[in-house]
Amino acid sequence: MLRIGALSGVEPEALRLAFDTAVEGTPAAGAAFELEAVPARGHCPICDIEFAVESDYIFTCPKCGRISGELVQGREMELARIEIS
């Protein structure tokens, strides 16, 4: 399973199509390809809270309204699990 962040720059459906094409005609043909979407979350250093990021590039603290550029989640492309049988 791959974990794909909302702001990672990865298009999940394009990645799925590339995987299906790459495994076609190989022993991996028919393999399950699971994706987990990871939402973007920002952090406000003033309020010390994490919050959901509503837009792609402007992270505004819902408590104090300050703009924060600190992204704590949402850029990942991570291999979370692989199963081979």
PDB file of N, CA and C in Angstrom:
ATOM      1  N   MET A   1       0.834  -1.165   0.000  1.00  0.00           N
ATOM      2  CA  MET A   1       0.000   0.000   0.000  1.00  0.00           C
ATOM      3  C   MET A   1       0.885   1.236   0.000  1.00  0.00           C
ATOM      4  N   LEU A   2       0.521   2.190  -0.825  1.00  0.00           N
ATOM      5  CA  LEU A   2       1.221   3.462  -0.885  1.00  0.00           C
ATOM      6  C   LEU A   2       0.372   4.532  -0.215  1.00  0.00           C
ATOM      7  N   ARG A   3       1.009   5.358   0.587  1.00  0.00           N
ATOM      8  CA  ARG A   3       0.350   6.515   1.196  1.00  0.00           C
ATOM      9  C   ARG A   3       0.772   7.731   0.378  1.00  0.00           C
ATOM     10  N   ILE A   4      -0.220   8.449  -0.180  1.00  0.00           N
ATOM     11  CA  ILE A   4       0.047   9.581  -1.052  1.00  0.00           C
ATOM     12  C   ILE A   4      -0.527  10.850  -0.429  1.00  0.00           C
ATOM     13  N   GLY A   5       0.320  11.820  -0.151  1.00  0.00           N
ATOM     14  CA  GLY A   5      -0.105  13.082   0.436  1.00  0.00           C
ATOM     15  C   GLY A   5      -0.824  13.960  -0.566  1.00  0.00           C
ATOM     16  N   ALA A   6      -1.781  14.725  -0.062  1.00  0.00           N
ATOM     17  CA  ALA A   6      -2.587  15.608  -0.911  1.00  0.00           C
ATOM     18  C   ALA A   6      -1.733  16.645  -1.640  1.00  0.00           C
ATOM     19  N   LEU A   7      -0.611  17.056  -1.065  1.00  0.00           N
ATOM     20  CA  LEU A   7       0.263  18.053  -1.681  1.00  0.00           C
ATOM     21  C   LEU A   7       1.579  17.450  -2.162  1.00  0.00           C
ATOM     22  N   SER A   8       1.592  16.148  -2.419  1.00  0.00           N
ATOM     23  CA  SER A   8       2.826  15.468  -2.841  1.00  0.00           C
ATOM     24  C   SER A   8       3.175  15.727  -4.299  1.00  0.00           C
ATOM     25  N   GLY A   9       2.204  16.155  -5.083  1.00  0.00           N
ATOM     26  CA  GLY A   9       2.441  16.338  -6.508  1.00  0.00           C
ATOM     27  C   GLY A   9       2.219  15.065  -7.300  1.00  0.00           C
ATOM     28  N   VAL A  10       1.786  14.013  -6.625  1.00  0.00           N
ATOM     29  CA  VAL A  10       1.538  12.732  -7.284  1.00  0.00           C
ATOM     30  C   VAL A  10       0.051  12.634  -7.642  1.00  0.00           C
ATOM     31  N   GLU A  11      -0.227  12.289  -8.875  1.00  0.00           N
ATOM     32  CA  GLU A  11      -1.610  12.082  -9.317  1.00  0.00           C
ATOM     33  C   GLU A  11      -1.927  10.601  -9.134  1.00  0.00           C
ATOM     34  N   PRO A  12      -2.752  10.259  -8.134  1.00  0.00           N
ATOM     35  CA  PRO A  12      -2.999   8.846  -7.814  1.00  0.00           C
ATOM     36  C   PRO A  12      -3.494   8.004  -8.991  1.00  0.00           C
ATOM     37  N   GLU A  13      -4.378   8.522  -9.806  1.00  0.00           N
ATOM     38  CA  GLU A  13      -4.893   7.716 -10.918  1.00  0.00           C
ATOM     39  C   GLU A  13      -3.836   7.489 -11.991  1.00  0.00           C
ATOM     40  N   ALA A  14      -2.973   8.458 -12.219  1.00  0.00           N
ATOM     41  CA  ALA A  14      -1.868   8.276 -13.166  1.00  0.00           C
ATOM     42  C   ALA A  14      -0.893   7.226 -12.647  1.00  0.00           C
ATOM     43  N   LEU A  15      -0.639   7.248 -11.348  1.00  0.00           N
ATOM     44  CA  LEU A  15       0.248   6.254 -10.736  1.00  0.00           C
ATOM     45  C   LEU A  15      -0.357   4.854 -10.851  1.00  0.00           C
ATOM     46  N   ARG A  16      -1.652   4.748 -10.629  1.00  0.00           N
ATOM     47  CA  ARG A  16      -2.339   3.456 -10.754  1.00  0.00           C
ATOM     48  C   ARG A  16      -2.244   2.931 -12.191  1.00  0.00           C
ATOM     49  N   LEU A  17      -2.456   3.808 -13.160  1.00  0.00           N
ATOM     50  CA  LEU A  17      -2.360   3.409 -14.568  1.00  0.00           C
ATOM     51  C   LEU A  17      -0.932   2.968 -14.912  1.00  0.00           C
ATOM     52  N   ALA A  18       0.059   3.688 -14.403  1.00  0.00           N
ATOM     53  CA  ALA A  18       1.456   3.321 -14.657  1.00  0.00           C
ATOM     54  C   ALA A  18       1.773   1.956 -14.046  1.00  0.00           C
ATOM     55  N   PHE A  19       1.270   1.697 -12.848  1.00  0.00           N
ATOM     56  CA  PHE A  19       1.494   0.405 -12.199  1.00  0.00           C
ATOM     57  C   PHE A  19       0.868  -0.717 -13.027  1.00  0.00           C
ATOM     58  N   ASP A  20      -0.386  -0.537 -13.412  1.00  0.00           N
ATOM     59  CA  ASP A  20      -1.085  -1.559 -14.203  1.00  0.00           C
ATOM     60  C   ASP A  20      -0.346  -1.845 -15.507  1.00  0.00           C
ATOM     61  N   THR A  21       0.174  -0.818 -16.128  1.00  0.00           N
ATOM     62  CA  THR A  21       0.909  -0.979 -17.383  1.00  0.00           C
ATOM     63  C   THR A  21       2.238  -1.688 -17.145  1.00  0.00           C
ATOM     64  N   ALA A  22       2.925  -1.336 -16.056  1.00  0.00           N
ATOM     65  CA  ALA A  22       4.240  -1.911 -15.772  1.00  0.00           C
ATOM     66  C   ALA A  22       4.171  -3.399 -15.437  1.00  0.00           C
ATOM     67  N   VAL A  23       3.110  -3.839 -14.785  1.00  0.00           N
ATOM     68  CA  VAL A  23       3.037  -5.245 -14.375  1.00  0.00           C
ATOM     69  C   VAL A  23       2.384  -6.145 -15.414  1.00  0.00           C
ATOM     70  N   GLU A  24       1.805  -5.548 -16.436  1.00  0.00           N
ATOM     71  CA  GLU A  24       1.134  -6.335 -17.483  1.00  0.00           C
ATOM     72  C   GLU A  24       2.118  -7.309 -18.131  1.00  0.00           C
ATOM     73  N   GLY A  25       1.743  -8.581 -18.184  1.00  0.00           N
ATOM     74  CA  GLY A  25       2.580  -9.604 -18.798  1.00  0.00           C
ATOM     75  C   GLY A  25       3.729 -10.071 -17.927  1.00  0.00           C
ATOM     76  N   THR A  26       3.726  -9.706 -16.662  1.00  0.00           N
ATOM     77  CA  THR A  26       4.774 -10.128 -15.728  1.00  0.00           C
ATOM     78  C   THR A  26       4.147 -11.011 -14.651  1.00  0.00           C
ATOM     79  N   PRO A  27       4.966 -11.678 -13.840  1.00  0.00           N
ATOM     80  CA  PRO A  27       4.401 -12.466 -12.748  1.00  0.00           C
ATOM     81  C   PRO A  27       3.572 -11.618 -11.768  1.00  0.00           C
ATOM     82  N   ALA A  28       3.762 -10.314 -11.785  1.00  0.00           N
ATOM     83  CA  ALA A  28       3.009  -9.422 -10.883  1.00  0.00           C
ATOM     84  C   ALA A  28       1.668  -8.990 -11.464  1.00  0.00           C
ATOM     85  N   ALA A  29       1.364  -9.451 -12.683  1.00  0.00           N
ATOM     86  CA  ALA A  29       0.081  -9.083 -13.295  1.00  0.00           C
ATOM     87  C   ALA A  29      -1.069  -9.507 -12.385  1.00  0.00           C
ATOM     88  N   GLY A  30      -2.007  -8.644 -12.212  1.00  0.00           N
ATOM     89  CA  GLY A  30      -3.142  -8.926 -11.342  1.00  0.00           C
ATOM     90  C   GLY A  30      -2.895  -8.576  -9.883  1.00  0.00           C
ATOM     91  N   ALA A  31      -1.713  -8.048  -9.586  1.00  0.00           N
ATOM     92  CA  ALA A  31      -1.396  -7.671  -8.208  1.00  0.00           C
ATOM     93  C   ALA A  31      -2.294  -6.522  -7.767  1.00  0.00           C
ATOM     94  N   ALA A  32      -2.653  -6.544  -6.504  1.00  0.00           N
ATOM     95  CA  ALA A  32      -3.460  -5.461  -5.943  1.00  0.00           C
ATOM     96  C   ALA A  32      -2.566  -4.248  -5.715  1.00  0.00           C
ATOM     97  N   PHE A  33      -3.094  -3.091  -6.026  1.00  0.00           N
ATOM     98  CA  PHE A  33      -2.362  -1.841  -5.842  1.00  0.00           C
ATOM     99  C   PHE A  33      -3.249  -0.930  -5.013  1.00  0.00           C
ATOM    100  N   GLU A  34      -2.895  -0.780  -3.741  1.00  0.00           N
ATOM    101  CA  GLU A  34      -3.726   0.008  -2.835  1.00  0.00           C
ATOM    102  C   GLU A  34      -3.090   1.366  -2.576  1.00  0.00           C
ATOM    103  N   LEU A  35      -3.922   2.390  -2.592  1.00  0.00           N
ATOM    104  CA  LEU A  35      -3.474   3.745  -2.296  1.00  0.00           C
ATOM    105  C   LEU A  35      -4.262   4.282  -1.110  1.00  0.00           C
ATOM    106  N   GLU A  36      -3.582   4.993  -0.244  1.00  0.00           N
ATOM    107  CA  GLU A  36      -4.248   5.670   0.865  1.00  0.00           C
ATOM    108  C   GLU A  36      -3.977   7.163   0.720  1.00  0.00           C
ATOM    109  N   ALA A  37      -5.036   7.962   0.637  1.00  0.00           N
ATOM    110  CA  ALA A  37      -4.893   9.414   0.534  1.00  0.00           C
ATOM    111  C   ALA A  37      -4.598   9.983   1.923  1.00  0.00           C
ATOM    112  N   VAL A  38      -3.580  10.839   1.998  1.00  0.00           N
ATOM    113  CA  VAL A  38      -3.194  11.463   3.257  1.00  0.00           C
ATOM    114  C   VAL A  38      -3.520  12.955   3.148  1.00  0.00           C
ATOM    115  N   PRO A  39      -4.408  13.454   3.991  1.00  0.00           N
ATOM    116  CA  PRO A  39      -4.768  14.878   3.917  1.00  0.00           C
ATOM    117  C   PRO A  39      -3.618  15.766   4.390  1.00  0.00           C
ATOM    118  N   ALA A  40      -3.614  16.991   3.911  1.00  0.00           N
ATOM    119  CA  ALA A  40      -2.597  17.957   4.323  1.00  0.00           C
ATOM    120  C   ALA A  40      -2.963  18.559   5.678  1.00  0.00           C
ATOM    121  N   ARG A  41      -1.942  18.714   6.540  1.00  0.00           N
ATOM    122  CA  ARG A  41      -2.134  19.327   7.861  1.00  0.00           C
ATOM    123  C   ARG A  41      -0.997  20.307   8.111  1.00  0.00           C
ATOM    124  N   GLY A  42      -1.371  21.470   8.605  1.00  0.00           N
ATOM    125  CA  GLY A  42      -0.396  22.501   8.927  1.00  0.00           C
ATOM    126  C   GLY A  42      -0.213  22.615  10.427  1.00  0.00           C
ATOM    127  N   HIS A  43       0.765  23.426  10.819  1.00  0.00           N
ATOM    128  CA  HIS A  43       1.031  23.667  12.243  1.00  0.00           C
ATOM    129  C   HIS A  43       1.236  25.161  12.453  1.00  0.00           C
ATOM    130  N   CYS A  44       0.591  25.707  13.480  1.00  0.00           N
ATOM    131  CA  CYS A  44       0.789  27.108  13.853  1.00  0.00           C
ATOM    132  C   CYS A  44       1.755  27.143  15.037  1.00  0.00           C
ATOM    133  N   PRO A  45       2.935  27.741  14.866  1.00  0.00           N
ATOM    134  CA  PRO A  45       3.889  27.792  15.968  1.00  0.00           C
ATOM    135  C   PRO A  45       3.453  28.745  17.087  1.00  0.00           C
ATOM    136  N   ILE A  46       2.591  29.696  16.780  1.00  0.00           N
ATOM    137  CA  ILE A  46       2.117  30.644  17.791  1.00  0.00           C
ATOM    138  C   ILE A  46       1.113  29.958  18.728  1.00  0.00           C
ATOM    139  N   CYS A  47       0.122  29.291  18.144  1.00  0.00           N
ATOM    140  CA  CYS A  47      -0.927  28.625  18.933  1.00  0.00           C
ATOM    141  C   CYS A  47      -0.546  27.204  19.325  1.00  0.00           C
ATOM    142  N   ASP A  48       0.484  26.665  18.665  1.00  0.00           N
ATOM    143  CA  ASP A  48       0.928  25.288  18.862  1.00  0.00           C
ATOM    144  C   ASP A  48      -0.199  24.287  18.628  1.00  0.00           C
ATOM    145  N   ILE A  49      -0.895  24.469  17.499  1.00  0.00           N
ATOM    146  CA  ILE A  49      -1.953  23.528  17.119  1.00  0.00           C
ATOM    147  C   ILE A  49      -1.717  23.053  15.688  1.00  0.00           C
ATOM    148  N   GLU A  50      -2.239  21.868  15.392  1.00  0.00           N
ATOM    149  CA  GLU A  50      -2.271  21.361  14.026  1.00  0.00           C
ATOM    150  C   GLU A  50      -3.661  21.608  13.472  1.00  0.00           C
ATOM    151  N   PHE A  51      -3.740  21.826  12.160  1.00  0.00           N
ATOM    152  CA  PHE A  51      -5.025  22.106  11.539  1.00  0.00           C
ATOM    153  C   PHE A  51      -5.044  21.579  10.109  1.00  0.00           C
ATOM    154  N   ALA A  52      -6.253  21.330   9.607  1.00  0.00           N
ATOM    155  CA  ALA A  52      -6.427  20.879   8.227  1.00  0.00           C
ATOM    156  C   ALA A  52      -6.093  22.026   7.284  1.00  0.00           C
ATOM    157  N   VAL A  53      -5.365  21.730   6.228  1.00  0.00           N
ATOM    158  CA  VAL A  53      -5.016  22.732   5.222  1.00  0.00           C
ATOM    159  C   VAL A  53      -6.120  22.729   4.174  1.00  0.00           C
ATOM    160  N   GLU A  54      -6.751  23.879   4.005  1.00  0.00           N
ATOM    161  CA  GLU A  54      -7.897  23.984   3.095  1.00  0.00           C
ATOM    162  C   GLU A  54      -7.498  24.308   1.662  1.00  0.00           C
ATOM    163  N   SER A  55      -6.369  25.018   1.470  1.00  0.00           N
ATOM    164  CA  SER A  55      -5.927  25.341   0.120  1.00  0.00           C
ATOM    165  C   SER A  55      -4.557  24.714  -0.115  1.00  0.00           C
ATOM    166  N   ASP A  56      -4.105  24.754  -1.346  1.00  0.00           N
ATOM    167  CA  ASP A  56      -2.857  24.084  -1.695  1.00  0.00           C
ATOM    168  C   ASP A  56      -1.598  24.749  -1.135  1.00  0.00           C
ATOM    169  N   TYR A  57      -1.571  26.071  -1.031  1.00  0.00           N
ATOM    170  CA  TYR A  57      -0.311  26.723  -0.675  1.00  0.00           C
ATOM    171  C   TYR A  57      -0.409  27.740   0.454  1.00  0.00           C
ATOM    172  N   ILE A  58      -1.602  28.095   0.901  1.00  0.00           N
ATOM    173  CA  ILE A  58      -1.745  29.059   1.986  1.00  0.00           C
ATOM    174  C   ILE A  58      -2.330  28.334   3.188  1.00  0.00           C
ATOM    175  N   PHE A  59      -1.560  28.274   4.256  1.00  0.00           N
ATOM    176  CA  PHE A  59      -1.970  27.560   5.457  1.00  0.00           C
ATOM    177  C   PHE A  59      -2.302  28.604   6.518  1.00  0.00           C
ATOM    178  N   THR A  60      -3.576  28.783   6.819  1.00  0.00           N
ATOM    179  CA  THR A  60      -4.010  29.792   7.777  1.00  0.00           C
ATOM    180  C   THR A  60      -4.512  29.119   9.047  1.00  0.00           C
ATOM    181  N   CYS A  61      -3.961  29.534  10.177  1.00  0.00           N
ATOM    182  CA  CYS A  61      -4.370  28.983  11.464  1.00  0.00           C
ATOM    183  C   CYS A  61      -5.828  29.348  11.738  1.00  0.00           C
ATOM    184  N   PRO A  62      -6.652  28.354  12.050  1.00  0.00           N
ATOM    185  CA  PRO A  62      -8.064  28.646  12.309  1.00  0.00           C
ATOM    186  C   PRO A  62      -8.290  29.357  13.642  1.00  0.00           C
ATOM    187  N   LYS A  63      -7.296  29.349  14.519  1.00  0.00           N
ATOM    188  CA  LYS A  63      -7.449  29.968  15.840  1.00  0.00           C
ATOM    189  C   LYS A  63      -7.052  31.448  15.825  1.00  0.00           C
ATOM    190  N   CYS A  64      -5.851  31.744  15.303  1.00  0.00           N
ATOM    191  CA  CYS A  64      -5.362  33.128  15.341  1.00  0.00           C
ATOM    192  C   CYS A  64      -5.387  33.822  13.985  1.00  0.00           C
ATOM    193  N   GLY A  65      -5.573  33.056  12.893  1.00  0.00           N
ATOM    194  CA  GLY A  65      -5.640  33.640  11.559  1.00  0.00           C
ATOM    195  C   GLY A  65      -4.299  33.919  10.909  1.00  0.00           C
ATOM    196  N   ARG A  66      -3.220  33.606  11.589  1.00  0.00           N
ATOM    197  CA  ARG A  66      -1.892  33.838  11.015  1.00  0.00           C
ATOM    198  C   ARG A  66      -1.610  32.823   9.908  1.00  0.00           C
ATOM    199  N   ILE A  67      -0.849  33.261   8.936  1.00  0.00           N
ATOM    200  CA  ILE A  67      -0.440  32.369   7.853  1.00  0.00           C
ATOM    201  C   ILE A  67       0.803  31.609   8.323  1.00  0.00           C
ATOM    202  N   SER A  68       0.779  30.298   8.144  1.00  0.00           N
ATOM    203  CA  SER A  68       1.895  29.452   8.543  1.00  0.00           C
ATOM    204  C   SER A  68       2.345  28.648   7.338  1.00  0.00           C
ATOM    205  N   GLY A  69       3.630  28.542   7.151  1.00  0.00           N
ATOM    206  CA  GLY A  69       4.166  27.741   6.055  1.00  0.00           C
ATOM    207  C   GLY A  69       4.611  26.369   6.504  1.00  0.00           C
ATOM    208  N   GLU A  70       4.295  26.014   7.733  1.00  0.00           N
ATOM    209  CA  GLU A  70       4.754  24.741   8.273  1.00  0.00           C
ATOM    210  C   GLU A  70       3.750  23.641   7.965  1.00  0.00           C
ATOM    211  N   LEU A  71       4.139  22.746   7.087  1.00  0.00           N
ATOM    212  CA  LEU A  71       3.298  21.611   6.714  1.00  0.00           C
ATOM    213  C   LEU A  71       3.816  20.383   7.443  1.00  0.00           C
ATOM    214  N   VAL A  72       2.972  19.745   8.245  1.00  0.00           N
ATOM    215  CA  VAL A  72       3.416  18.583   9.018  1.00  0.00           C
ATOM    216  C   VAL A  72       2.980  17.261   8.384  1.00  0.00           C
ATOM    217  N   GLN A  73       2.064  17.335   7.442  1.00  0.00           N
ATOM    218  CA  GLN A  73       1.580  16.121   6.781  1.00  0.00           C
ATOM    219  C   GLN A  73       0.984  16.524   5.447  1.00  0.00           C
ATOM    220  N   GLY A  74       1.201  15.687   4.433  1.00  0.00           N
ATOM    221  CA  GLY A  74       0.573  15.922   3.145  1.00  0.00           C
ATOM    222  C   GLY A  74       1.506  15.895   1.960  1.00  0.00           C
ATOM    223  N   ARG A  75       2.808  15.813   2.197  1.00  0.00           N
ATOM    224  CA  ARG A  75       3.765  15.747   1.082  1.00  0.00           C
ATOM    225  C   ARG A  75       4.291  14.341   0.837  1.00  0.00           C
ATOM    226  N   GLU A  76       3.877  13.388   1.645  1.00  0.00           N
ATOM    227  CA  GLU A  76       4.484  12.070   1.580  1.00  0.00           C
ATOM    228  C   GLU A  76       4.060  11.240   0.365  1.00  0.00           C
ATOM    229  N   MET A  77       4.989  10.402  -0.041  1.00  0.00           N
ATOM    230  CA  MET A  77       4.726   9.290  -0.943  1.00  0.00           C
ATOM    231  C   MET A  77       5.494   8.151  -0.302  1.00  0.00           C
ATOM    232  N   GLU A  78       4.777   7.308   0.397  1.00  0.00           N
ATOM    233  CA  GLU A  78       5.399   6.342   1.293  1.00  0.00           C
ATOM    234  C   GLU A  78       4.887   4.933   1.029  1.00  0.00           C
ATOM    235  N   LEU A  79       5.803   4.002   0.917  1.00  0.00           N
ATOM    236  CA  LEU A  79       5.429   2.593   0.823  1.00  0.00           C
ATOM    237  C   LEU A  79       5.126   2.135   2.239  1.00  0.00           C
ATOM    238  N   ALA A  80       3.841   1.964   2.553  1.00  0.00           N
ATOM    239  CA  ALA A  80       3.435   1.644   3.902  1.00  0.00           C
ATOM    240  C   ALA A  80       3.388   0.144   4.153  1.00  0.00           C
ATOM    241  N   ARG A  81       3.090  -0.628   3.124  1.00  0.00           N
ATOM    242  CA  ARG A  81       2.972  -2.073   3.319  1.00  0.00           C
ATOM    243  C   ARG A  81       3.135  -2.778   1.976  1.00  0.00           C
ATOM    244  N   ILE A  82       3.787  -3.940   2.021  1.00  0.00           N
ATOM    245  CA  ILE A  82       3.885  -4.805   0.854  1.00  0.00           C
ATOM    246  C   ILE A  82       3.664  -6.237   1.323  1.00  0.00           C
ATOM    247  N   GLU A  83       2.854  -6.953   0.599  1.00  0.00           N
ATOM    248  CA  GLU A  83       2.582  -8.348   0.931  1.00  0.00           C
ATOM    249  C   GLU A  83       2.921  -9.209  -0.274  1.00  0.00           C
ATOM    250  N   ILE A  84       3.686 -10.255  -0.044  1.00  0.00           N
ATOM    251  CA  ILE A  84       4.075 -11.184  -1.108  1.00  0.00           C
ATOM    252  C   ILE A  84       3.659 -12.584  -0.680  1.00  0.00           C
ATOM    253  N   SER A  85       2.980 -13.252  -1.586  1.00  0.00           N
ATOM    254  CA  SER A  85       2.594 -14.633  -1.256  1.00  0.00           C
ATOM    255  C   SER A  85       3.037 -15.582  -2.338  1.00  0.00           C
TER     256      SER A  85
END
